[in-house]
PDB file of N, CA and C in Angstrom:
ATOM      1  N   UNK A   1      -1.481 -19.228  -1.060  1.00  0.00           N
ATOM      2  CA  UNK A   1      -0.505 -18.336  -1.651  1.00  0.00           C
ATOM      3  C   UNK A   1      -0.589 -16.979  -0.948  1.00  0.00           C
ATOM      4  N   UNK A   2       0.529 -16.534  -0.442  1.00  0.00           N
ATOM      5  CA  UNK A   2       0.573 -15.263   0.264  1.00  0.00           C
ATOM      6  C   UNK A   2       0.918 -14.139  -0.711  1.00  0.00           C
ATOM      7  N   UNK A   3       0.221 -13.040  -0.579  1.00  0.00           N
ATOM      8  CA  UNK A   3       0.485 -11.874  -1.415  1.00  0.00           C
ATOM      9  C   UNK A   3       1.221 -10.820  -0.606  1.00  0.00           C
ATOM     10  N   UNK A   4       2.145 -10.134  -1.256  1.00  0.00           N
ATOM     11  CA  UNK A   4       2.846  -9.006  -0.646  1.00  0.00           C
ATOM     12  C   UNK A   4       2.017  -7.750  -0.853  1.00  0.00           C
ATOM     13  N   UNK A   5       1.809  -6.999   0.218  1.00  0.00           N
ATOM     14  CA  UNK A   5       1.018  -5.782   0.166  1.00  0.00           C
ATOM     15  C   UNK A   5       1.871  -4.608   0.644  1.00  0.00           C
ATOM     16  N   UNK A   6       1.781  -3.496  -0.068  1.00  0.00           N
ATOM     17  CA  UNK A   6       2.473  -2.267   0.330  1.00  0.00           C
ATOM     18  C   UNK A   6       1.427  -1.178   0.535  1.00  0.00           C
ATOM     19  N   UNK A   7       1.544  -0.452   1.645  1.00  0.00           N
ATOM     20  CA  UNK A   7       0.658   0.667   1.921  1.00  0.00           C
ATOM     21  C   UNK A   7       1.500   1.941   1.825  1.00  0.00           C
ATOM     22  N   UNK A   8       1.124   2.826   0.898  1.00  0.00           N
ATOM     23  CA  UNK A   8       1.830   4.088   0.708  1.00  0.00           C
ATOM     24  C   UNK A   8       0.972   5.215   1.285  1.00  0.00           C
ATOM     25  N   UNK A   9       1.509   5.901   2.273  1.00  0.00           N
ATOM     26  CA  UNK A   9       0.765   6.956   2.959  1.00  0.00           C
ATOM     27  C   UNK A   9       1.043   8.310   2.332  1.00  0.00           C
ATOM     28  N   UNK A  10       0.123   9.247   2.552  1.00  0.00           N
ATOM     29  CA  UNK A  10       0.287  10.615   2.089  1.00  0.00           C
ATOM     30  C   UNK A  10       1.272  11.377   2.962  1.00  0.00           C
ATOM     31  N   UNK A  11       1.422  12.647   2.674  1.00  0.00           N
ATOM     32  CA  UNK A  11       2.412  13.461   3.371  1.00  0.00           C
ATOM     33  C   UNK A  11       2.095  13.673   4.846  1.00  0.00           C
ATOM     34  N   UNK A  12       0.814  13.745   5.207  1.00  0.00           N
ATOM     35  CA  UNK A  12       0.438  14.005   6.599  1.00  0.00           C
ATOM     36  C   UNK A  12      -0.068  12.775   7.321  1.00  0.00           C
ATOM     37  N   UNK A  13       0.105  11.619   6.712  1.00  0.00           N
ATOM     38  CA  UNK A  13      -0.341  10.380   7.336  1.00  0.00           C
ATOM     39  C   UNK A  13       0.871   9.515   7.620  1.00  0.00           C
ATOM     40  N   UNK A  14       0.618   8.383   8.214  1.00  0.00           N
ATOM     41  CA  UNK A  14       1.695   7.448   8.489  1.00  0.00           C
ATOM     42  C   UNK A  14       1.145   6.136   8.986  1.00  0.00           C
ATOM     43  N   UNK A  15       2.014   5.263   9.437  1.00  0.00           N
ATOM     44  CA  UNK A  15       1.593   3.935   9.879  1.00  0.00           C
ATOM     45  C   UNK A  15       0.528   3.945  10.975  1.00  0.00           C
ATOM     46  N   UNK A  16       0.491   4.990  11.790  1.00  0.00           N
ATOM     47  CA  UNK A  16      -0.549   5.062  12.823  1.00  0.00           C
ATOM     48  C   UNK A  16      -1.935   5.127  12.226  1.00  0.00           C
ATOM     49  N   UNK A  17      -2.057   5.798  11.107  1.00  0.00           N
ATOM     50  CA  UNK A  17      -3.357   5.934  10.446  1.00  0.00           C
ATOM     51  C   UNK A  17      -3.822   4.598   9.843  1.00  0.00           C
ATOM     52  N   UNK A  18      -2.887   3.798   9.365  1.00  0.00           N
ATOM     53  CA  UNK A  18      -3.246   2.544   8.712  1.00  0.00           C
ATOM     54  C   UNK A  18      -3.088   1.316   9.576  1.00  0.00           C
ATOM     55  N   UNK A  19      -2.955   1.517  10.885  1.00  0.00           N
ATOM     56  CA  UNK A  19      -2.705   0.395  11.797  1.00  0.00           C
ATOM     57  C   UNK A  19      -3.770  -0.699  11.697  1.00  0.00           C
ATOM     58  N   UNK A  20      -5.037  -0.310  11.671  1.00  0.00           N
ATOM     59  CA  UNK A  20      -6.107  -1.312  11.607  1.00  0.00           C
ATOM     60  C   UNK A  20      -6.091  -2.055  10.269  1.00  0.00           C
ATOM     61  N   UNK A  21      -5.830  -1.327   9.188  1.00  0.00           N
ATOM     62  CA  UNK A  21      -5.755  -1.960   7.866  1.00  0.00           C
ATOM     63  C   UNK A  21      -4.622  -2.978   7.838  1.00  0.00           C
ATOM     64  N   UNK A  22      -3.445  -2.585   8.298  1.00  0.00           N
ATOM     65  CA  UNK A  22      -2.288  -3.481   8.282  1.00  0.00           C
ATOM     66  C   UNK A  22      -2.536  -4.698   9.176  1.00  0.00           C
ATOM     67  N   UNK A  23      -3.116  -4.489  10.351  1.00  0.00           N
ATOM     68  CA  UNK A  23      -3.430  -5.596  11.252  1.00  0.00           C
ATOM     69  C   UNK A  23      -4.396  -6.571  10.591  1.00  0.00           C
ATOM     70  N   UNK A  24      -5.423  -6.051   9.949  1.00  0.00           N
ATOM     71  CA  UNK A  24      -6.406  -6.911   9.269  1.00  0.00           C
ATOM     72  C   UNK A  24      -5.775  -7.685   8.115  1.00  0.00           C
ATOM     73  N   UNK A  25      -4.905  -7.024   7.373  1.00  0.00           N
ATOM     74  CA  UNK A  25      -4.224  -7.699   6.267  1.00  0.00           C
ATOM     75  C   UNK A  25      -3.347  -8.834   6.779  1.00  0.00           C
ATOM     76  N   UNK A  26      -2.609  -8.593   7.857  1.00  0.00           N
ATOM     77  CA  UNK A  26      -1.762  -9.633   8.434  1.00  0.00           C
ATOM     78  C   UNK A  26      -2.596 -10.808   8.929  1.00  0.00           C
ATOM     79  N   UNK A  27      -3.717 -10.531   9.569  1.00  0.00           N
ATOM     80  CA  UNK A  27      -4.584 -11.589  10.077  1.00  0.00           C
ATOM     81  C   UNK A  27      -5.174 -12.418   8.944  1.00  0.00           C
ATOM     82  N   UNK A  28      -5.340 -11.785   7.782  1.00  0.00           N
ATOM     83  CA  UNK A  28      -5.886 -12.483   6.617  1.00  0.00           C
ATOM     84  C   UNK A  28      -4.805 -13.254   5.853  1.00  0.00           C
ATOM     85  N   UNK A  29      -3.547 -13.164   6.304  1.00  0.00           N
ATOM     86  CA  UNK A  29      -2.479 -13.938   5.692  1.00  0.00           C
ATOM     87  C   UNK A  29      -1.628 -13.197   4.683  1.00  0.00           C
ATOM     88  N   UNK A  30      -1.817 -11.900   4.562  1.00  0.00           N
ATOM     89  CA  UNK A  30      -0.997 -11.105   3.643  1.00  0.00           C
ATOM     90  C   UNK A  30       0.333 -10.753   4.309  1.00  0.00           C
ATOM     91  N   UNK A  31       1.359 -10.584   3.490  1.00  0.00           N
ATOM     92  CA  UNK A  31       2.668 -10.152   3.956  1.00  0.00           C
ATOM     93  C   UNK A  31       2.824  -8.677   3.631  1.00  0.00           C
ATOM     94  N   UNK A  32       3.224  -7.877   4.616  1.00  0.00           N
ATOM     95  CA  UNK A  32       3.380  -6.438   4.421  1.00  0.00           C
ATOM     96  C   UNK A  32       4.826  -6.148   4.018  1.00  0.00           C
ATOM     97  N   UNK A  33       4.989  -5.354   2.966  1.00  0.00           N
ATOM     98  CA  UNK A  33       6.309  -4.941   2.509  1.00  0.00           C
ATOM     99  C   UNK A  33       6.348  -3.420   2.392  1.00  0.00           C
ATOM    100  N   UNK A  34       7.515  -2.852   2.565  1.00  0.00           N
ATOM    101  CA  UNK A  34       7.671  -1.407   2.397  1.00  0.00           C
ATOM    102  C   UNK A  34       8.135  -1.069   0.989  1.00  0.00           C
ATOM    103  N   UNK A  35       8.386  -2.087   0.179  1.00  0.00           N
ATOM    104  CA  UNK A  35       8.885  -1.891  -1.172  1.00  0.00           C
ATOM    105  C   UNK A  35       7.734  -2.006  -2.182  1.00  0.00           C
ATOM    106  N   UNK A  36       7.235  -0.883  -2.702  1.00  0.00           N
ATOM    107  CA  UNK A  36       6.109  -0.952  -3.631  1.00  0.00           C
ATOM    108  C   UNK A  36       6.443  -1.667  -4.941  1.00  0.00           C
ATOM    109  N   UNK A  37       7.711  -1.718  -5.315  1.00  0.00           N
ATOM    110  CA  UNK A  37       8.102  -2.412  -6.542  1.00  0.00           C
ATOM    111  C   UNK A  37       7.975  -3.923  -6.405  1.00  0.00           C
ATOM    112  N   UNK A  38       8.020  -4.436  -5.171  1.00  0.00           N
ATOM    113  CA  UNK A  38       7.956  -5.864  -4.925  1.00  0.00           C
ATOM    114  C   UNK A  38       6.562  -6.325  -4.507  1.00  0.00           C
ATOM    115  N   UNK A  39       5.617  -5.402  -4.410  1.00  0.00           N
ATOM    116  CA  UNK A  39       4.280  -5.728  -3.901  1.00  0.00           C
ATOM    117  C   UNK A  39       3.365  -6.257  -4.998  1.00  0.00           C
ATOM    118  N   UNK A  40       2.532  -7.207  -4.621  1.00  0.00           N
ATOM    119  CA  UNK A  40       1.493  -7.713  -5.513  1.00  0.00           C
ATOM    120  C   UNK A  40       0.270  -6.793  -5.470  1.00  0.00           C
ATOM    121  N   UNK A  41       0.072  -6.163  -4.312  1.00  0.00           N
ATOM    122  CA  UNK A  41      -1.055  -5.262  -4.094  1.00  0.00           C
ATOM    123  C   UNK A  41      -0.516  -3.974  -3.475  1.00  0.00           C
ATOM    124  N   UNK A  42      -0.944  -2.829  -3.996  1.00  0.00           N
ATOM    125  CA  UNK A  42      -0.516  -1.537  -3.461  1.00  0.00           C
ATOM    126  C   UNK A  42      -1.758  -0.734  -3.079  1.00  0.00           C
ATOM    127  N   UNK A  43      -1.804  -0.289  -1.823  1.00  0.00           N
ATOM    128  CA  UNK A  43      -2.815   0.649  -1.356  1.00  0.00           C
ATOM    129  C   UNK A  43      -2.112   1.997  -1.221  1.00  0.00           C
ATOM    130  N   UNK A  44      -2.600   3.022  -1.886  1.00  0.00           N
ATOM    131  CA  UNK A  44      -1.978   4.340  -1.810  1.00  0.00           C
ATOM    132  C   UNK A  44      -3.028   5.376  -1.436  1.00  0.00           C
ATOM    133  N   UNK A  45      -2.661   6.260  -0.496  1.00  0.00           N
ATOM    134  CA  UNK A  45      -3.580   7.295  -0.058  1.00  0.00           C
ATOM    135  C   UNK A  45      -2.952   8.664  -0.258  1.00  0.00           C
ATOM    136  N   UNK A  46      -3.713   9.573  -0.831  1.00  0.00           N
ATOM    137  CA  UNK A  46      -3.322  10.965  -0.996  1.00  0.00           C
ATOM    138  C   UNK A  46      -1.982  11.061  -1.724  1.00  0.00           C
ATOM    139  N   UNK A  47      -0.995  11.718  -1.110  1.00  0.00           N
ATOM    140  CA  UNK A  47       0.311  11.889  -1.741  1.00  0.00           C
ATOM    141  C   UNK A  47       1.033  10.578  -1.995  1.00  0.00           C
ATOM    142  N   UNK A  48       0.634   9.519  -1.307  1.00  0.00           N
ATOM    143  CA  UNK A  48       1.223   8.202  -1.540  1.00  0.00           C
ATOM    144  C   UNK A  48       0.954   7.701  -2.949  1.00  0.00           C
ATOM    145  N   UNK A  49      -0.108   8.223  -3.582  1.00  0.00           N
ATOM    146  CA  UNK A  49      -0.419   7.849  -4.967  1.00  0.00           C
ATOM    147  C   UNK A  49       0.696   8.274  -5.909  1.00  0.00           C
ATOM    148  N   UNK A  50       1.419   9.332  -5.531  1.00  0.00           N
ATOM    149  CA  UNK A  50       2.517   9.824  -6.362  1.00  0.00           C
ATOM    150  C   UNK A  50       3.796   9.011  -6.163  1.00  0.00           C
ATOM    151  N   UNK A  51       3.801   8.107  -5.198  1.00  0.00           N
ATOM    152  CA  UNK A  51       4.976   7.298  -4.895  1.00  0.00           C
ATOM    153  C   UNK A  51       4.930   5.909  -5.529  1.00  0.00           C
ATOM    154  N   UNK A  52       3.887   5.621  -6.276  1.00  0.00           N
ATOM    155  CA  UNK A  52       3.782   4.313  -6.934  1.00  0.00           C
ATOM    156  C   UNK A  52       4.788   4.273  -8.078  1.00  0.00           C
ATOM    157  N   UNK A  53       5.732   3.334  -8.039  1.00  0.00           N
ATOM    158  CA  UNK A  53       6.730   3.289  -9.100  1.00  0.00           C
ATOM    159  C   UNK A  53       6.130   2.849 -10.434  1.00  0.00           C
ATOM    160  N   UNK A  54       6.648   3.406 -11.499  1.00  0.00           N
ATOM    161  CA  UNK A  54       6.175   3.044 -12.840  1.00  0.00           C
ATOM    162  C   UNK A  54       6.471   1.576 -13.106  1.00  0.00           C
ATOM    163  N   UNK A  55       7.645   1.137 -12.705  1.00  0.00           N
ATOM    164  CA  UNK A  55       8.057  -0.250 -12.899  1.00  0.00           C
ATOM    165  C   UNK A  55       7.678  -1.039 -11.648  1.00  0.00           C
ATOM    166  N   UNK A  56       6.498  -1.643 -11.675  1.00  0.00           N
ATOM    167  CA  UNK A  56       6.053  -2.428 -10.525  1.00  0.00           C
ATOM    168  C   UNK A  56       5.443  -3.730 -11.016  1.00  0.00           C
ATOM    169  N   UNK A  57       5.219  -4.641 -10.107  1.00  0.00           N
ATOM    170  CA  UNK A  57       4.635  -5.936 -10.476  1.00  0.00           C
ATOM    171  C   UNK A  57       3.237  -6.116  -9.881  1.00  0.00           C
ATOM    172  N   UNK A  58       2.671  -5.041  -9.391  1.00  0.00           N
ATOM    173  CA  UNK A  58       1.380  -5.102  -8.711  1.00  0.00           C
ATOM    174  C   UNK A  58       0.279  -5.632  -9.622  1.00  0.00           C
ATOM    175  N   UNK A  59      -0.529  -6.518  -9.061  1.00  0.00           N
ATOM    176  CA  UNK A  59      -1.706  -7.038  -9.754  1.00  0.00           C
ATOM    177  C   UNK A  59      -2.914  -6.153  -9.472  1.00  0.00           C
ATOM    178  N   UNK A  60      -2.835  -5.417  -8.369  1.00  0.00           N
ATOM    179  CA  UNK A  60      -3.916  -4.517  -7.974  1.00  0.00           C
ATOM    180  C   UNK A  60      -3.307  -3.272  -7.344  1.00  0.00           C
ATOM    181  N   UNK A  61      -3.740  -2.109  -7.815  1.00  0.00           N
ATOM    182  CA  UNK A  61      -3.337  -0.839  -7.216  1.00  0.00           C
ATOM    183  C   UNK A  61      -4.609  -0.090  -6.852  1.00  0.00           C
ATOM    184  N   UNK A  62      -4.768   0.208  -5.548  1.00  0.00           N
ATOM    185  CA  UNK A  62      -5.938   0.941  -5.094  1.00  0.00           C
ATOM    186  C   UNK A  62      -5.489   2.323  -4.647  1.00  0.00           C
ATOM    187  N   UNK A  63      -6.025   3.350  -5.284  1.00  0.00           N
ATOM    188  CA  UNK A  63      -5.704   4.728  -4.934  1.00  0.00           C
ATOM    189  C   UNK A  63      -6.907   5.361  -4.247  1.00  0.00           C
ATOM    190  N   UNK A  64      -6.687   5.882  -3.042  1.00  0.00           N
ATOM    191  CA  UNK A  64      -7.746   6.498  -2.258  1.00  0.00           C
ATOM    192  C   UNK A  64      -7.398   7.965  -2.060  1.00  0.00           C
ATOM    193  N   UNK A  65      -8.289   8.853  -2.422  1.00  0.00           N
ATOM    194  CA  UNK A  65      -8.036  10.286  -2.249  1.00  0.00           C
ATOM    195  C   UNK A  65      -6.885  10.758  -3.109  1.00  0.00           C
ATOM    196  N   UNK A  66      -6.921  10.409  -4.377  1.00  0.00           N
ATOM    197  CA  UNK A  66      -5.858  10.794  -5.300  1.00  0.00           C
ATOM    198  C   UNK A  66      -5.685  12.302  -5.326  1.00  0.00           C
ATOM    199  N   UNK A  67      -4.439  12.808  -5.181  1.00  0.00           N
ATOM    200  CA  UNK A  67      -4.226  14.255  -5.224  1.00  0.00           C
ATOM    201  C   UNK A  67      -4.436  14.807  -6.639  1.00  0.00           C
ATOM    202  N   UNK A  68      -4.733  16.060  -6.713  1.00  0.00           N
ATOM    203  CA  UNK A  68      -4.989  16.698  -8.013  1.00  0.00           C
ATOM    204  C   UNK A  68      -3.718  16.958  -8.758  1.00  0.00           C
TER     205      UNK A  68
END
């Protein structure tokens, strides 16, 4: 069973910062999506934590460096 994963970056980060994470997830069989509402797993960093939609279907939400 493949899981959809969404990576939400902070204001000063972007896909370049998460390249290794995304590559590893793809190699492990995960599907990457840009839609956090459709993701089973959400990784959010810094300001990306504020972009997690209230109405989501995520089974796991990991927040790293949550802003104050």
